């Protein structure tokens, strides 16, 4: 008797074949990729297939088989209902169940998608010229950035150190060294390390001629123009960019303009003036 009881107890502890099937996660069906191509996401496809195979189901079985959280499951069921593939079944005294609609609804879904695509194509054809105009306008519109203070001036200087072309510059060397002695020194050293060449036009003065001797001519060429010209604003011209650092009356204001045509114009003007300027 004891042996029989032990055997019965052991047998009753084993899960039934049906329970084992219920606890096993449903593998992905070969229909899932097809449903995804029709516009369902993977979770929607799994829920729809589950309801087709098992008939009406409450929320608990859906959560068990799909491993979704309740909020996500409701979200995907709402999407399926909006696509006409699932409907809610509320019967008096029973738990709310969800029912898959006939798979023929998938053909209606494709028809709706085709109609939507055709309508979108017509609208695009009508509006494409205007979209092209907006695109072309944006392409020629300059990018402008504005900064204030010493921090902004540093950003301008650091950006020029990314240049892949020779830098052309107008500088008030004396004023620059008064206001930004460390910034100017660090910038010159960093530019030399990067091997970025630079042409500078300055207003002639004894200070400028003396200061010009401190530069390595391999990296920096300096020419001067006669007074009374005055550069209260530093200008850098490089890489389709023109930047300014204004030091008027002790206020530091900086600006960067990125635009190929503006860059080319200033480059041409600089090189024209460079031809008539004198070596420092």
Protein backbone atom coordinates (compact mmCIF):
# COMPACT_ATOMS: atom_id res chain seq x y z
CA UNK A 1 0.00 0.00 0.00
CA UNK A 2 2.75 2.43 0.97
CA UNK A 3 4.51 1.86 -2.36
CA UNK A 4 1.29 2.39 -4.29
CA UNK A 5 0.54 5.57 -2.35
CA UNK A 6 4.06 6.90 -3.02
CA UNK A 7 3.68 6.11 -6.70
CA UNK A 8 0.30 7.84 -6.81
CA UNK A 9 1.70 10.88 -4.98
CA UNK A 10 4.65 11.09 -7.38
CA UNK A 11 2.35 10.69 -10.34
CA UNK A 12 -0.02 13.41 -9.15
CA UNK A 13 2.94 15.83 -8.68
CA UNK A 14 3.84 15.59 -12.37
CA UNK A 15 2.22 18.26 -14.62
CA UNK A 16 -0.34 16.94 -17.05
CA UNK A 17 0.51 17.03 -20.77
CA UNK A 18 -2.05 19.81 -21.15
CA UNK A 19 -0.45 21.91 -18.38
CA UNK A 20 2.95 21.44 -20.00
CA UNK A 21 1.59 22.70 -23.30
CA UNK A 22 0.03 25.74 -21.63
CA UNK A 23 3.28 26.73 -19.94
CA UNK A 24 5.34 26.41 -23.09
CA UNK A 25 5.84 29.74 -24.87
CA UNK A 26 4.24 29.82 -28.29
CA UNK A 27 7.01 29.76 -30.97
CA UNK A 28 6.97 32.36 -33.73
CA UNK A 29 4.66 31.29 -36.54
CA UNK A 30 5.70 31.38 -40.20
CA UNK A 31 2.76 33.76 -40.67
CA UNK A 32 4.34 36.42 -38.45
CA UNK A 33 6.67 37.83 -41.17
CA UNK A 34 3.71 37.97 -43.59
CA UNK A 35 1.59 39.88 -41.10
CA UNK A 36 4.47 42.24 -40.41
CA UNK A 37 4.69 43.04 -44.13
CA UNK A 38 0.98 43.93 -44.00
CA UNK A 39 1.71 46.59 -41.39
CA UNK A 40 1.37 44.70 -38.10
CA UNK A 41 4.24 44.80 -35.66
CA UNK A 42 5.55 41.55 -34.17
CA UNK A 43 3.42 41.76 -31.01
CA UNK A 44 0.26 42.54 -32.96
CA UNK A 45 0.96 39.60 -35.27
CA UNK A 46 1.45 37.21 -32.33
CA UNK A 47 -1.76 38.34 -30.62
CA UNK A 48 -3.79 38.06 -33.85
CA UNK A 49 -2.44 34.59 -34.60
CA UNK A 50 -3.13 33.48 -31.03
CA UNK A 51 -6.76 34.58 -31.27
CA UNK A 52 -7.16 32.91 -34.68
CA UNK A 53 -5.81 29.60 -33.35
CA UNK A 54 -7.53 29.56 -29.95
CA UNK A 55 -10.71 31.55 -30.47
CA UNK A 56 -11.93 34.25 -28.07
CA UNK A 57 -9.55 34.84 -25.17
CA UNK A 58 -9.53 36.96 -22.04
CA UNK A 59 -6.57 39.12 -21.10
CA UNK A 60 -4.87 36.56 -18.85
CA UNK A 61 -4.25 33.93 -21.56
CA UNK A 62 -3.05 36.65 -23.93
CA UNK A 63 -0.55 37.88 -21.34
CA UNK A 64 0.57 34.31 -20.60
CA UNK A 65 1.28 33.36 -24.21
CA UNK A 66 2.73 36.65 -25.45
CA UNK A 67 4.70 37.55 -22.27
CA UNK A 68 3.54 41.15 -22.69
CA UNK A 69 2.67 43.48 -19.84
CA UNK A 70 -1.00 44.38 -19.48
CA UNK A 71 -0.63 47.97 -20.66
CA UNK A 72 1.30 46.94 -23.78
CA UNK A 73 -1.19 44.19 -24.58
CA UNK A 74 -4.12 46.65 -24.44
CA UNK A 75 -2.16 49.04 -26.65
CA UNK A 76 -1.60 46.37 -29.34
CA UNK A 77 -5.20 45.12 -29.07
CA UNK A 78 -6.44 48.68 -29.65
CA UNK A 79 -4.23 48.90 -32.75
CA UNK A 80 -5.60 45.59 -34.03
CA UNK A 81 -9.16 46.81 -33.42
CA UNK A 82 -8.40 50.03 -35.34
CA UNK A 83 -7.18 47.89 -38.26
CA UNK A 84 -10.41 45.87 -38.17
CA UNK A 85 -8.71 42.62 -37.16
CA UNK A 86 -9.87 42.21 -33.55
CA UNK A 87 -13.02 43.10 -31.67
CA UNK A 88 -13.94 43.13 -28.00
CA UNK A 89 -16.63 40.74 -26.77
CA UNK A 90 -18.52 41.83 -23.64
CA UNK A 91 -21.17 39.33 -22.51
CA UNK A 92 -23.25 39.81 -19.34
CA UNK A 93 -21.66 38.12 -16.35
CA UNK A 94 -18.54 37.07 -18.28
CA UNK A 95 -14.97 38.30 -18.48
CA UNK A 96 -14.22 40.58 -21.42
CA UNK A 97 -12.80 38.57 -24.30
CA UNK A 98 -11.06 39.49 -27.52
CA UNK A 99 -12.04 37.88 -30.81
CA UNK A 100 -10.04 37.68 -34.04
CA UNK A 101 -12.02 38.69 -37.10
CA UNK A 102 -11.99 36.63 -40.27
CA UNK A 103 -8.52 36.65 -41.97
CA UNK A 104 -10.28 37.96 -45.08
CA UNK A 105 -10.13 41.29 -43.27
CA UNK A 106 -6.44 41.28 -44.16
CA UNK A 107 -7.37 41.77 -47.80
CA UNK A 108 -9.46 44.79 -46.82
CA UNK A 109 -6.47 46.08 -44.86
CA UNK A 110 -4.28 45.82 -47.97
CA UNK A 111 -6.95 47.61 -50.01
CA UNK A 112 -7.05 50.45 -47.48
CA UNK A 113 -3.25 50.68 -47.53
CA UNK A 114 -3.19 50.79 -51.32
CA UNK A 115 -5.81 53.54 -51.31
CA UNK A 116 -3.83 55.52 -48.72
CA UNK A 117 -0.60 55.13 -50.71
CA UNK A 118 -2.33 56.20 -53.94
CA UNK A 119 -3.79 59.25 -52.21
CA UNK A 120 -0.41 60.12 -50.70
CA UNK A 121 1.22 59.75 -54.12
CA UNK A 122 -1.29 62.18 -55.64
CA UNK A 123 -0.71 64.70 -52.83
CA UNK A 124 3.05 64.36 -53.18
CA UNK A 125 2.87 64.94 -56.94
CA UNK A 126 0.91 68.14 -56.34
CA UNK A 127 3.19 69.44 -53.60
CA UNK A 128 6.59 68.18 -54.79
CA UNK A 129 7.51 71.42 -56.65
CA UNK A 130 6.90 73.45 -53.48
CA UNK A 131 8.90 70.97 -51.38
CA UNK A 132 11.78 71.22 -53.87
CA UNK A 133 11.68 75.01 -53.61
CA UNK A 134 11.83 74.86 -49.82
CA UNK A 135 14.75 72.43 -50.01
CA UNK A 136 16.68 74.62 -52.43
CA UNK A 137 15.98 77.71 -50.33
CA UNK A 138 17.33 75.97 -47.22
CA UNK A 139 20.42 74.89 -49.15
CA UNK A 140 21.37 78.48 -49.99
CA UNK A 141 20.37 79.96 -46.63
CA UNK A 142 23.42 80.77 -44.49
CA UNK A 143 23.90 79.29 -41.03
CA UNK A 144 24.52 82.08 -38.53
CA UNK A 145 25.67 81.64 -34.92
CA UNK A 146 26.02 84.48 -32.43
CA UNK A 147 28.09 84.58 -29.21
CA UNK A 148 28.90 87.08 -26.50
CA UNK A 149 31.88 87.51 -24.17
CA UNK A 150 35.25 85.81 -23.94
CA UNK A 151 33.70 82.33 -23.98
CA UNK A 152 32.17 83.06 -27.38
CA UNK A 153 35.48 84.38 -28.70
CA UNK A 154 37.17 81.16 -27.60
CA UNK A 155 34.55 79.12 -29.47
CA UNK A 156 35.26 81.08 -32.64
CA UNK A 157 39.01 80.53 -32.29
CA UNK A 158 38.64 76.83 -31.51
CA UNK A 159 36.35 76.31 -34.50
CA UNK A 160 38.98 77.78 -36.82
CA UNK A 161 41.39 75.11 -35.58
CA UNK A 162 39.23 72.54 -37.40
CA UNK A 163 40.01 74.20 -40.74
CA UNK A 164 41.09 72.02 -43.63
CA UNK A 165 42.03 75.07 -45.69
CA UNK A 166 44.44 77.93 -45.18
CA UNK A 167 43.00 80.62 -42.92
CA UNK A 168 42.79 84.22 -44.20
CA UNK A 169 42.47 86.80 -41.45
CA UNK A 170 42.24 90.51 -40.68
CA UNK A 171 43.59 91.28 -37.20
CA UNK A 172 44.24 94.27 -34.96
CA UNK A 173 47.28 92.60 -33.46
CA UNK A 174 47.94 95.23 -30.81
CA UNK A 175 44.38 95.26 -29.47
CA UNK A 176 44.20 91.48 -29.62
CA UNK A 177 47.30 91.09 -27.49
CA UNK A 178 45.99 93.61 -24.98
CA UNK A 179 42.64 91.89 -24.49
CA UNK A 180 43.45 88.21 -25.16
CA UNK A 181 47.20 87.67 -24.69
CA UNK A 182 46.86 84.04 -23.54
CA UNK A 183 44.14 83.17 -26.05
CA UNK A 184 46.18 84.51 -28.96
CA UNK A 185 49.37 82.73 -27.79
CA UNK A 186 47.60 79.39 -27.24
CA UNK A 187 45.80 79.63 -30.56
CA UNK A 188 49.04 80.29 -32.46
CA UNK A 189 50.75 77.31 -30.81
CA UNK A 190 47.80 74.98 -31.43
CA UNK A 191 47.56 76.05 -35.07
CA UNK A 192 51.28 75.43 -35.56
CA UNK A 193 50.96 71.91 -34.13
CA UNK A 194 48.09 71.16 -36.50
CA UNK A 195 50.06 72.56 -39.44
CA UNK A 196 47.27 74.98 -40.41
CA UNK A 197 48.71 77.78 -42.53
CA UNK A 198 47.49 81.34 -42.19
CA UNK A 199 47.69 84.62 -44.07
CA UNK A 200 47.12 87.77 -41.99
CA UNK A 201 46.55 91.36 -43.05
CA UNK A 202 47.23 93.99 -40.35
CA UNK A 203 47.36 97.78 -40.18
CA UNK A 204 50.98 98.92 -40.32
CA UNK A 205 52.58 100.14 -37.08
CA UNK A 206 55.88 99.69 -35.22
CA UNK A 207 54.20 97.23 -32.85
CA UNK A 208 52.84 95.13 -35.72
CA UNK A 209 56.21 94.96 -37.49
CA UNK A 210 57.91 93.90 -34.27
CA UNK A 211 55.17 91.40 -33.43
CA UNK A 212 55.31 89.90 -36.92
CA UNK A 213 58.87 88.73 -36.25
CA UNK A 214 57.61 86.33 -33.55
CA UNK A 215 55.71 84.20 -36.08
CA UNK A 216 57.14 81.24 -37.97
CA UNK A 217 56.98 82.21 -41.66
CA UNK A 218 56.51 78.56 -42.59
CA UNK A 219 53.04 78.64 -41.02
CA UNK A 220 52.14 82.33 -40.96
CA UNK A 221 52.54 85.05 -43.57
CA UNK A 222 51.84 88.64 -42.54
CA UNK A 223 51.33 91.68 -44.73
CA UNK A 224 50.38 95.20 -43.75
CA UNK A 225 48.29 98.03 -45.16
CA UNK A 226 48.87 101.69 -44.26
CA UNK A 227 47.00 103.65 -41.60
CA UNK A 228 44.44 105.18 -41.07
CA UNK A 229 42.75 101.81 -41.75
CA UNK A 230 41.49 100.24 -38.54
CA UNK A 231 40.47 96.68 -37.70
CA UNK A 232 38.40 96.70 -34.52
CA UNK A 233 36.94 93.38 -35.61
CA UNK A 234 38.96 90.21 -36.19
CA UNK A 235 37.87 88.18 -39.19
CA UNK A 236 38.67 84.55 -40.04
CA UNK A 237 37.94 83.17 -43.52
CA UNK A 238 38.18 79.36 -43.91
CA UNK A 239 36.23 76.21 -44.90
CA UNK A 240 33.15 77.99 -46.34
CA UNK A 241 33.02 79.96 -43.09
CA UNK A 242 33.47 83.61 -42.19
CA UNK A 243 33.73 84.43 -38.48
CA UNK A 244 34.04 87.71 -36.62
CA UNK A 245 35.20 88.77 -33.17
CA UNK A 246 34.32 92.39 -32.44
CA UNK A 247 36.20 94.16 -29.64
CA UNK A 248 34.54 97.57 -30.00
CA UNK A 249 34.57 99.60 -26.73
CA UNK A 250 35.59 96.61 -24.67
CA UNK A 251 32.51 94.59 -25.60
CA UNK A 252 33.23 91.19 -27.12
CA UNK A 253 30.69 90.03 -29.69
CA UNK A 254 31.33 87.07 -32.00
CA UNK A 255 29.55 85.66 -35.02
CA UNK A 256 29.99 82.71 -37.40
CA UNK A 257 28.45 82.60 -40.89
CA UNK A 258 28.62 79.34 -42.84
CA UNK A 259 27.83 79.88 -46.51
CA UNK A 260 29.88 79.02 -49.63
CA UNK A 261 29.03 82.18 -51.60
CA UNK A 262 29.78 84.53 -48.68
CA UNK A 263 33.02 82.63 -48.05
CA UNK A 264 34.08 82.92 -51.71
CA UNK A 265 33.36 86.65 -51.81
CA UNK A 266 35.43 87.40 -48.70
CA UNK A 267 38.20 85.11 -49.86
CA UNK A 268 38.37 86.97 -53.19
CA UNK A 269 38.41 90.37 -51.48
CA UNK A 270 41.13 89.25 -49.08
CA UNK A 271 43.39 87.85 -51.81
CA UNK A 272 42.90 91.00 -53.90
CA UNK A 273 43.99 93.17 -50.98
CA UNK A 274 46.81 90.71 -50.23
CA UNK A 275 48.34 91.47 -53.63
CA UNK A 276 48.70 95.18 -52.83
CA UNK A 277 49.67 94.79 -49.15
CA UNK A 278 53.35 94.92 -48.12
CA UNK A 279 55.36 92.35 -46.23
CA UNK A 280 55.70 93.19 -42.55
